[in-house]
PDB file of N, CA and C in Angstrom:
ATOM      1  N   MET A   1      -6.443  -1.516   3.039  1.00  0.00           N
ATOM      2  CA  MET A   1      -5.409  -1.688   2.054  1.00  0.00           C
ATOM      3  C   MET A   1      -4.101  -1.986   2.747  1.00  0.00           C
ATOM      4  N   ARG A   2      -3.376  -2.885   2.221  1.00  0.00           N
ATOM      5  CA  ARG A   2      -2.090  -3.250   2.810  1.00  0.00           C
ATOM      6  C   ARG A   2      -1.012  -2.317   2.304  1.00  0.00           C
ATOM      7  N   GLN A   3      -0.089  -2.008   3.148  1.00  0.00           N
ATOM      8  CA  GLN A   3       1.061  -1.195   2.772  1.00  0.00           C
ATOM      9  C   GLN A   3       2.161  -2.141   2.298  1.00  0.00           C
ATOM     10  N   LEU A   4       2.656  -1.956   1.079  1.00  0.00           N
ATOM     11  CA  LEU A   4       3.664  -2.852   0.531  1.00  0.00           C
ATOM     12  C   LEU A   4       4.988  -2.719   1.251  1.00  0.00           C
ATOM     13  N   SER A   5       5.383  -1.525   1.496  1.00  0.00           N
ATOM     14  CA  SER A   5       6.619  -1.253   2.217  1.00  0.00           C
ATOM     15  C   SER A   5       6.554   0.191   2.684  1.00  0.00           C
ATOM     16  N   GLN A   6       7.527   0.581   3.468  1.00  0.00           N
ATOM     17  CA  GLN A   6       7.546   1.970   3.925  1.00  0.00           C
ATOM     18  C   GLN A   6       7.846   2.921   2.772  1.00  0.00           C
ATOM     19  N   ASN A   7       8.338   2.383   1.659  1.00  0.00           N
ATOM     20  CA  ASN A   7       8.676   3.221   0.514  1.00  0.00           C
ATOM     21  C   ASN A   7       7.529   3.390  -0.472  1.00  0.00           C
ATOM     22  N   SER A   8       6.415   2.685  -0.274  1.00  0.00           N
ATOM     23  CA  SER A   8       5.315   2.793  -1.232  1.00  0.00           C
ATOM     24  C   SER A   8       4.400   3.948  -0.854  1.00  0.00           C
ATOM     25  N   THR A   9       3.782   4.512  -1.885  1.00  0.00           N
ATOM     26  CA  THR A   9       2.889   5.650  -1.721  1.00  0.00           C
ATOM     27  C   THR A   9       1.595   5.382  -2.465  1.00  0.00           C
ATOM     28  N   LEU A  10       0.473   5.591  -1.801  1.00  0.00           N
ATOM     29  CA  LEU A  10      -0.811   5.484  -2.472  1.00  0.00           C
ATOM     30  C   LEU A  10      -0.947   6.668  -3.419  1.00  0.00           C
ATOM     31  N   ILE A  11      -1.175   6.373  -4.699  1.00  0.00           N
ATOM     32  CA  ILE A  11      -1.306   7.468  -5.662  1.00  0.00           C
ATOM     33  C   ILE A  11      -2.739   7.620  -6.161  1.00  0.00           C
ATOM     34  N   GLY A  12      -3.597   6.677  -5.793  1.00  0.00           N
ATOM     35  CA  GLY A  12      -4.990   6.803  -6.181  1.00  0.00           C
ATOM     36  C   GLY A  12      -5.663   5.452  -6.299  1.00  0.00           C
ATOM     37  N   TYR A  13      -6.823   5.466  -6.925  1.00  0.00           N
ATOM     38  CA  TYR A  13      -7.618   4.256  -7.117  1.00  0.00           C
ATOM     39  C   TYR A  13      -8.059   4.171  -8.563  1.00  0.00           C
ATOM     40  N   VAL A  14      -8.146   2.957  -9.062  1.00  0.00           N
ATOM     41  CA  VAL A  14      -8.742   2.684 -10.362  1.00  0.00           C
ATOM     42  C   VAL A  14     -10.094   2.058 -10.071  1.00  0.00           C
ATOM     43  N   HIS A  15     -11.156   2.625 -10.622  1.00  0.00           N
ATOM     44  CA  HIS A  15     -12.493   2.085 -10.420  1.00  0.00           C
ATOM     45  C   HIS A  15     -12.821   1.163 -11.588  1.00  0.00           C
ATOM     46  N   LEU A  16     -13.123  -0.092 -11.252  1.00  0.00           N
ATOM     47  CA  LEU A  16     -13.387  -1.103 -12.261  1.00  0.00           C
ATOM     48  C   LEU A  16     -14.780  -1.689 -12.053  1.00  0.00           C
ATOM     49  N   ARG A  17     -15.538  -1.774 -13.123  1.00  0.00           N
ATOM     50  CA  ARG A  17     -16.873  -2.376 -13.046  1.00  0.00           C
ATOM     51  C   ARG A  17     -16.769  -3.811 -13.543  1.00  0.00           C
ATOM     52  N   VAL A  18     -17.241  -4.729 -12.700  1.00  0.00           N
ATOM     53  CA  VAL A  18     -17.298  -6.146 -13.037  1.00  0.00           C
ATOM     54  C   VAL A  18     -18.727  -6.586 -12.766  1.00  0.00           C
ATOM     55  N   GLY A  19     -19.461  -6.865 -13.841  1.00  0.00           N
ATOM     56  CA  GLY A  19     -20.884  -7.160 -13.679  1.00  0.00           C
ATOM     57  C   GLY A  19     -21.582  -5.939 -13.109  1.00  0.00           C
ATOM     58  N   ASP A  20     -22.330  -6.149 -12.035  1.00  0.00           N
ATOM     59  CA  ASP A  20     -23.032  -5.043 -11.381  1.00  0.00           C
ATOM     60  C   ASP A  20     -22.215  -4.402 -10.264  1.00  0.00           C
ATOM     61  N   GLU A  21     -21.024  -4.929 -10.008  1.00  0.00           N
ATOM     62  CA  GLU A  21     -20.192  -4.447  -8.902  1.00  0.00           C
ATOM     63  C   GLU A  21     -19.158  -3.429  -9.381  1.00  0.00           C
ATOM     64  N   LEU A  22     -18.873  -2.462  -8.524  1.00  0.00           N
ATOM     65  CA  LEU A  22     -17.832  -1.479  -8.790  1.00  0.00           C
ATOM     66  C   LEU A  22     -16.741  -1.660  -7.740  1.00  0.00           C
ATOM     67  N   PHE A  23     -15.515  -1.852  -8.190  1.00  0.00           N
ATOM     68  CA  PHE A  23     -14.379  -2.070  -7.295  1.00  0.00           C
ATOM     69  C   PHE A  23     -13.430  -0.885  -7.374  1.00  0.00           C
ATOM     70  N   ALA A  24     -12.962  -0.435  -6.229  1.00  0.00           N
ATOM     71  CA  ALA A  24     -11.937   0.605  -6.157  1.00  0.00           C
ATOM     72  C   ALA A  24     -10.619  -0.099  -5.850  1.00  0.00           C
ATOM     73  N   VAL A  25      -9.765  -0.203  -6.845  1.00  0.00           N
ATOM     74  CA  VAL A  25      -8.492  -0.907  -6.704  1.00  0.00           C
ATOM     75  C   VAL A  25      -7.403   0.122  -6.400  1.00  0.00           C
ATOM     76  N   PRO A  26      -6.730  -0.005  -5.252  1.00  0.00           N
ATOM     77  CA  PRO A  26      -5.693   0.964  -4.906  1.00  0.00           C
ATOM     78  C   PRO A  26      -4.472   0.832  -5.815  1.00  0.00           C
ATOM     79  N   VAL A  27      -3.904   1.973  -6.161  1.00  0.00           N
ATOM     80  CA  VAL A  27      -2.691   2.020  -6.976  1.00  0.00           C
ATOM     81  C   VAL A  27      -1.590   2.622  -6.108  1.00  0.00           C
ATOM     82  N   GLN A  28      -0.496   1.884  -5.986  1.00  0.00           N
ATOM     83  CA  GLN A  28       0.630   2.338  -5.177  1.00  0.00           C
ATOM     84  C   GLN A  28       1.878   2.432  -6.048  1.00  0.00           C
ATOM     85  N   ALA A  29       2.704   3.416  -5.744  1.00  0.00           N
ATOM     86  CA  ALA A  29       3.981   3.576  -6.424  1.00  0.00           C
ATOM     87  C   ALA A  29       5.090   3.306  -5.418  1.00  0.00           C
ATOM     88  N   ALA A  30       6.119   2.626  -5.885  1.00  0.00           N
ATOM     89  CA  ALA A  30       7.267   2.332  -5.032  1.00  0.00           C
ATOM     90  C   ALA A  30       8.501   2.251  -5.914  1.00  0.00           C
ATOM     91  N   PRO A  31       9.645   2.625  -5.362  1.00  0.00           N
ATOM     92  CA  PRO A  31      10.874   2.446  -6.138  1.00  0.00           C
ATOM     93  C   PRO A  31      11.198   0.959  -6.204  1.00  0.00           C
ATOM     94  N   LEU A  32      11.296   0.427  -7.412  1.00  0.00           N
ATOM     95  CA  LEU A  32      11.569  -0.997  -7.599  1.00  0.00           C
ATOM     96  C   LEU A  32      12.876  -1.163  -8.361  1.00  0.00           C
ATOM     97  N   ASP A  33      13.833  -1.830  -7.739  1.00  0.00           N
ATOM     98  CA  ASP A  33      15.067  -2.130  -8.459  1.00  0.00           C
ATOM     99  C   ASP A  33      14.898  -3.473  -9.155  1.00  0.00           C
ATOM    100  N   ARG A  34      15.896  -3.887  -9.908  1.00  0.00           N
ATOM    101  CA  ARG A  34      15.776  -5.131 -10.680  1.00  0.00           C
ATOM    102  C   ARG A  34      15.511  -6.337  -9.789  1.00  0.00           C
ATOM    103  N   ASP A  35      16.173  -6.416  -8.639  1.00  0.00           N
ATOM    104  CA  ASP A  35      15.935  -7.535  -7.732  1.00  0.00           C
ATOM    105  C   ASP A  35      14.503  -7.503  -7.218  1.00  0.00           C
ATOM    106  N   GLU A  36      14.013  -6.338  -6.890  1.00  0.00           N
ATOM    107  CA  GLU A  36      12.647  -6.182  -6.394  1.00  0.00           C
ATOM    108  C   GLU A  36      11.645  -6.563  -7.490  1.00  0.00           C
ATOM    109  N   MET A  37      11.905  -6.170  -8.721  1.00  0.00           N
ATOM    110  CA  MET A  37      11.000  -6.485  -9.823  1.00  0.00           C
ATOM    111  C   MET A  37      10.906  -7.991 -10.026  1.00  0.00           C
ATOM    112  N   ALA A  38      12.001  -8.722  -9.786  1.00  0.00           N
ATOM    113  CA  ALA A  38      11.974 -10.178  -9.925  1.00  0.00           C
ATOM    114  C   ALA A  38      11.083 -10.804  -8.859  1.00  0.00           C
ATOM    115  N   ARG A  39      11.085 -10.252  -7.647  1.00  0.00           N
ATOM    116  CA  ARG A  39      10.278 -10.806  -6.556  1.00  0.00           C
ATOM    117  C   ARG A  39       8.837 -10.315  -6.600  1.00  0.00           C
ATOM    118  N   ARG A  40       8.647  -9.056  -6.924  1.00  0.00           N
ATOM    119  CA  ARG A  40       7.308  -8.465  -6.902  1.00  0.00           C
ATOM    120  C   ARG A  40       7.214  -7.459  -8.047  1.00  0.00           C
ATOM    121  N   PRO A  41       6.953  -7.963  -9.257  1.00  0.00           N
ATOM    122  CA  PRO A  41       6.917  -7.044 -10.393  1.00  0.00           C
ATOM    123  C   PRO A  41       5.748  -6.077 -10.285  1.00  0.00           C
ATOM    124  N   GLY A  42       5.871  -4.979 -10.979  1.00  0.00           N
ATOM    125  CA  GLY A  42       4.768  -4.034 -11.010  1.00  0.00           C
ATOM    126  C   GLY A  42       3.571  -4.656 -11.698  1.00  0.00           C
ATOM    127  N   GLY A  43       2.420  -4.108 -11.429  1.00  0.00           N
ATOM    128  CA  GLY A  43       1.192  -4.610 -12.035  1.00  0.00           C
ATOM    129  C   GLY A  43       0.186  -4.998 -10.976  1.00  0.00           C
ATOM    130  N   PHE A  44      -0.817  -5.772 -11.378  1.00  0.00           N
ATOM    131  CA  PHE A  44      -1.862  -6.216 -10.465  1.00  0.00           C
ATOM    132  C   PHE A  44      -1.300  -7.282  -9.531  1.00  0.00           C
ATOM    133  N   PHE A  45      -1.719  -7.240  -8.267  1.00  0.00           N
ATOM    134  CA  PHE A  45      -1.293  -8.276  -7.322  1.00  0.00           C
ATOM    135  C   PHE A  45      -2.434  -8.617  -6.374  1.00  0.00           C
ATOM    136  N   VAL A  46      -2.362  -9.835  -5.852  1.00  0.00           N
ATOM    137  CA  VAL A  46      -3.239 -10.286  -4.776  1.00  0.00           C
ATOM    138  C   VAL A  46      -2.313 -10.869  -3.716  1.00  0.00           C
ATOM    139  N   ASP A  47      -2.406 -10.364  -2.487  1.00  0.00           N
ATOM    140  CA  ASP A  47      -1.530 -10.882  -1.437  1.00  0.00           C
ATOM    141  C   ASP A  47      -2.175 -12.115  -0.786  1.00  0.00           C
ATOM    142  N   PRO A  48      -1.440 -12.815   0.079  1.00  0.00           N
ATOM    143  CA  PRO A  48      -1.971 -14.031   0.705  1.00  0.00           C
ATOM    144  C   PRO A  48      -3.260 -13.811   1.504  1.00  0.00           C
ATOM    145  N   ALA A  49      -3.476 -12.609   1.997  1.00  0.00           N
ATOM    146  CA  ALA A  49      -4.698 -12.310   2.760  1.00  0.00           C
ATOM    147  C   ALA A  49      -5.889 -11.994   1.852  1.00  0.00           C
ATOM    148  N   GLY A  50      -5.658 -11.960   0.532  1.00  0.00           N
ATOM    149  CA  GLY A  50      -6.740 -11.677  -0.405  1.00  0.00           C
ATOM    150  C   GLY A  50      -6.903 -10.214  -0.759  1.00  0.00           C
ATOM    151  N   HIS A  51      -6.038  -9.351  -0.238  1.00  0.00           N
ATOM    152  CA  HIS A  51      -6.081  -7.938  -0.623  1.00  0.00           C
ATOM    153  C   HIS A  51      -5.461  -7.786  -2.006  1.00  0.00           C
ATOM    154  N   TYR A  52      -5.987  -6.883  -2.780  1.00  0.00           N
ATOM    155  CA  TYR A  52      -5.468  -6.694  -4.124  1.00  0.00           C
ATOM    156  C   TYR A  52      -5.152  -5.229  -4.368  1.00  0.00           C
ATOM    157  N   GLY A  53      -4.377  -4.986  -5.400  1.00  0.00           N
ATOM    158  CA  GLY A  53      -4.005  -3.632  -5.762  1.00  0.00           C
ATOM    159  C   GLY A  53      -3.151  -3.636  -7.005  1.00  0.00           C
ATOM    160  N   ILE A  54      -2.670  -2.465  -7.335  1.00  0.00           N
ATOM    161  CA  ILE A  54      -1.791  -2.278  -8.485  1.00  0.00           C
ATOM    162  C   ILE A  54      -0.539  -1.580  -7.986  1.00  0.00           C
ATOM    163  N   LEU A  55       0.599  -2.099  -8.400  1.00  0.00           N
ATOM    164  CA  LEU A  55       1.887  -1.527  -8.020  1.00  0.00           C
ATOM    165  C   LEU A  55       2.590  -1.030  -9.273  1.00  0.00           C
ATOM    166  N   VAL A  56       3.102   0.198  -9.219  1.00  0.00           N
ATOM    167  CA  VAL A  56       3.887   0.741 -10.325  1.00  0.00           C
ATOM    168  C   VAL A  56       5.230   1.212  -9.787  1.00  0.00           C
ATOM    169  N   ASP A  57       6.203   1.197 -10.663  1.00  0.00           N
ATOM    170  CA  ASP A  57       7.534   1.677 -10.315  1.00  0.00           C
ATOM    171  C   ASP A  57       7.501   3.199 -10.288  1.00  0.00           C
ATOM    172  N   SER A  58       7.856   3.777  -9.158  1.00  0.00           N
ATOM    173  CA  SER A  58       7.800   5.239  -9.021  1.00  0.00           C
ATOM    174  C   SER A  58       8.812   5.960  -9.911  1.00  0.00           C
ATOM    175  N   ALA A  59       9.782   5.225 -10.458  1.00  0.00           N
ATOM    176  CA  ALA A  59      10.785   5.849 -11.321  1.00  0.00           C
ATOM    177  C   ALA A  59      10.326   5.940 -12.779  1.00  0.00           C
ATOM    178  N   LEU A  60       9.201   5.317 -13.097  1.00  0.00           N
ATOM    179  CA  LEU A  60       8.719   5.355 -14.481  1.00  0.00           C
ATOM    180  C   LEU A  60       8.230   6.746 -14.850  1.00  0.00           C
ATOM    181  N   PRO A  61       8.444   7.142 -16.108  1.00  0.00           N
ATOM    182  CA  PRO A  61       7.818   8.380 -16.584  1.00  0.00           C
ATOM    183  C   PRO A  61       6.294   8.203 -16.546  1.00  0.00           C
ATOM    184  N   GLU A  62       5.581   9.298 -16.436  1.00  0.00           N
ATOM    185  CA  GLU A  62       4.131   9.238 -16.268  1.00  0.00           C
ATOM    186  C   GLU A  62       3.443   8.424 -17.361  1.00  0.00           C
ATOM    187  N   HIS A  63       3.827   8.602 -18.623  1.00  0.00           N
ATOM    188  CA  HIS A  63       3.147   7.871 -19.706  1.00  0.00           C
ATOM    189  C   HIS A  63       3.369   6.365 -19.590  1.00  0.00           C
ATOM    190  N   GLU A  64       4.538   5.932 -19.136  1.00  0.00           N
ATOM    191  CA  GLU A  64       4.796   4.504 -18.956  1.00  0.00           C
ATOM    192  C   GLU A  64       4.045   3.963 -17.740  1.00  0.00           C
ATOM    193  N   ALA A  65       3.969   4.760 -16.683  1.00  0.00           N
ATOM    194  CA  ALA A  65       3.207   4.343 -15.501  1.00  0.00           C
ATOM    195  C   ALA A  65       1.741   4.177 -15.862  1.00  0.00           C
ATOM    196  N   ARG A  66       1.210   5.068 -16.678  1.00  0.00           N
ATOM    197  CA  ARG A  66      -0.195   4.955 -17.110  1.00  0.00           C
ATOM    198  C   ARG A  66      -0.413   3.665 -17.902  1.00  0.00           C
ATOM    199  N   LYS A  67       0.541   3.317 -18.767  1.00  0.00           N
ATOM    200  CA  LYS A  67       0.433   2.069 -19.528  1.00  0.00           C
ATOM    201  C   LYS A  67       0.457   0.865 -18.590  1.00  0.00           C
ATOM    202  N   GLN A  68       1.340   0.917 -17.583  1.00  0.00           N
ATOM    203  CA  GLN A  68       1.419  -0.186 -16.626  1.00  0.00           C
ATOM    204  C   GLN A  68       0.112  -0.305 -15.836  1.00  0.00           C
ATOM    205  N   ILE A  69      -0.459   0.812 -15.449  1.00  0.00           N
ATOM    206  CA  ILE A  69      -1.739   0.804 -14.723  1.00  0.00           C
ATOM    207  C   ILE A  69      -2.853   0.268 -15.621  1.00  0.00           C
ATOM    208  N   GLU A  70      -2.851   0.638 -16.885  1.00  0.00           N
ATOM    209  CA  GLU A  70      -3.864   0.149 -17.819  1.00  0.00           C
ATOM    210  C   GLU A  70      -3.765  -1.369 -17.979  1.00  0.00           C
ATOM    211  N   ARG A  71      -2.549  -1.891 -18.179  1.00  0.00           N
ATOM    212  CA  ARG A  71      -2.371  -3.345 -18.301  1.00  0.00           C
ATOM    213  C   ARG A  71      -2.813  -4.046 -17.018  1.00  0.00           C
ATOM    214  N   ALA A  72      -2.417  -3.487 -15.879  1.00  0.00           N
ATOM    215  CA  ALA A  72      -2.784  -4.082 -14.590  1.00  0.00           C
ATOM    216  C   ALA A  72      -4.288  -4.042 -14.369  1.00  0.00           C
ATOM    217  N   SER A  73      -4.956  -3.016 -14.867  1.00  0.00           N
ATOM    218  CA  SER A  73      -6.413  -2.919 -14.740  1.00  0.00           C
ATOM    219  C   SER A  73      -7.099  -4.053 -15.493  1.00  0.00           C
ATOM    220  N   PHE A  74      -6.594  -4.389 -16.683  1.00  0.00           N
ATOM    221  CA  PHE A  74      -7.148  -5.517 -17.429  1.00  0.00           C
ATOM    222  C   PHE A  74      -6.943  -6.826 -16.666  1.00  0.00           C
ATOM    223  N   GLU A  75      -5.760  -6.986 -16.057  1.00  0.00           N
ATOM    224  CA  GLU A  75      -5.496  -8.171 -15.238  1.00  0.00           C
ATOM    225  C   GLU A  75      -6.457  -8.221 -14.046  1.00  0.00           C
ATOM    226  N   ALA A  76      -6.695  -7.078 -13.428  1.00  0.00           N
ATOM    227  CA  ALA A  76      -7.594  -7.013 -12.273  1.00  0.00           C
ATOM    228  C   ALA A  76      -9.016  -7.390 -12.670  1.00  0.00           C
ATOM    229  N   VAL A  77      -9.495  -6.879 -13.801  1.00  0.00           N
ATOM    230  CA  VAL A  77     -10.841  -7.213 -14.260  1.00  0.00           C
ATOM    231  C   VAL A  77     -10.945  -8.712 -14.516  1.00  0.00           C
ATOM    232  N   SER A  78      -9.924  -9.291 -15.121  1.00  0.00           N
ATOM    233  CA  SER A  78      -9.932 -10.729 -15.370  1.00  0.00           C
ATOM    234  C   SER A  78     -10.010 -11.509 -14.059  1.00  0.00           C
ATOM    235  N   HIS A  79      -9.171 -11.135 -13.094  1.00  0.00           N
ATOM    236  CA  HIS A  79      -9.153 -11.815 -11.798  1.00  0.00           C
ATOM    237  C   HIS A  79     -10.499 -11.657 -11.079  1.00  0.00           C
ATOM    238  N   LEU A  80     -11.002 -10.445 -11.018  1.00  0.00           N
ATOM    239  CA  LEU A  80     -12.256 -10.181 -10.305  1.00  0.00           C
ATOM    240  C   LEU A  80     -13.448 -10.851 -11.003  1.00  0.00           C
ATOM    241  N   SER A  81     -13.414 -10.922 -12.326  1.00  0.00           N
ATOM    242  CA  SER A  81     -14.479 -11.597 -13.068  1.00  0.00           C
ATOM    243  C   SER A  81     -14.519 -13.071 -12.721  1.00  0.00           C
ATOM    244  N   LYS A  82     -13.357 -13.702 -12.696  1.00  0.00           N
ATOM    245  CA  LYS A  82     -13.300 -15.124 -12.349  1.00  0.00           C
ATOM    246  C   LYS A  82     -13.766 -15.364 -10.919  1.00  0.00           C
ATOM    247  N   LYS A  83     -13.410 -14.463 -10.038  1.00  0.00           N
ATOM    248  CA  LYS A  83     -13.733 -14.634  -8.621  1.00  0.00           C
ATOM    249  C   LYS A  83     -15.217 -14.375  -8.330  1.00  0.00           C
ATOM    250  N   PHE A  84     -15.787 -13.347  -8.926  1.00  0.00           N
ATOM    251  CA  PHE A  84     -17.134 -12.934  -8.547  1.00  0.00           C
ATOM    252  C   PHE A  84     -18.229 -13.299  -9.547  1.00  0.00           C
ATOM    253  N   LEU A  85     -17.878 -13.648 -10.772  1.00  0.00           N
ATOM    254  CA  LEU A  85     -18.909 -13.971 -11.761  1.00  0.00           C
ATOM    255  C   LEU A  85     -19.050 -15.466 -12.001  1.00  0.00           C
ATOM    256  N   ASN A  86     -18.116 -16.260 -11.530  1.00  0.00           N
ATOM    257  CA  ASN A  86     -18.199 -17.717 -11.735  1.00  0.00           C
ATOM    258  C   ASN A  86     -18.814 -18.404 -10.553  1.00  0.00           C
TER     259      ASN A  86
END
């Protein structure tokens, strides 16, 4: 797993089933200011090396972070489905 910055913290994994495969997608929290959100918004991401994960703003209340993780999980399933099922 790639470290986004020295300020990010691994908070866990979301396990997603795509077809017969099970993926453990890392979830990281980092403080994101408005400028940072414009460059790297929270949610599902794939870096140039092909590593993927979910990033959430560490300043979000827990219920909002859960919603962001849920939305990002749907994005991840869509991405992984296109990559591995097509």
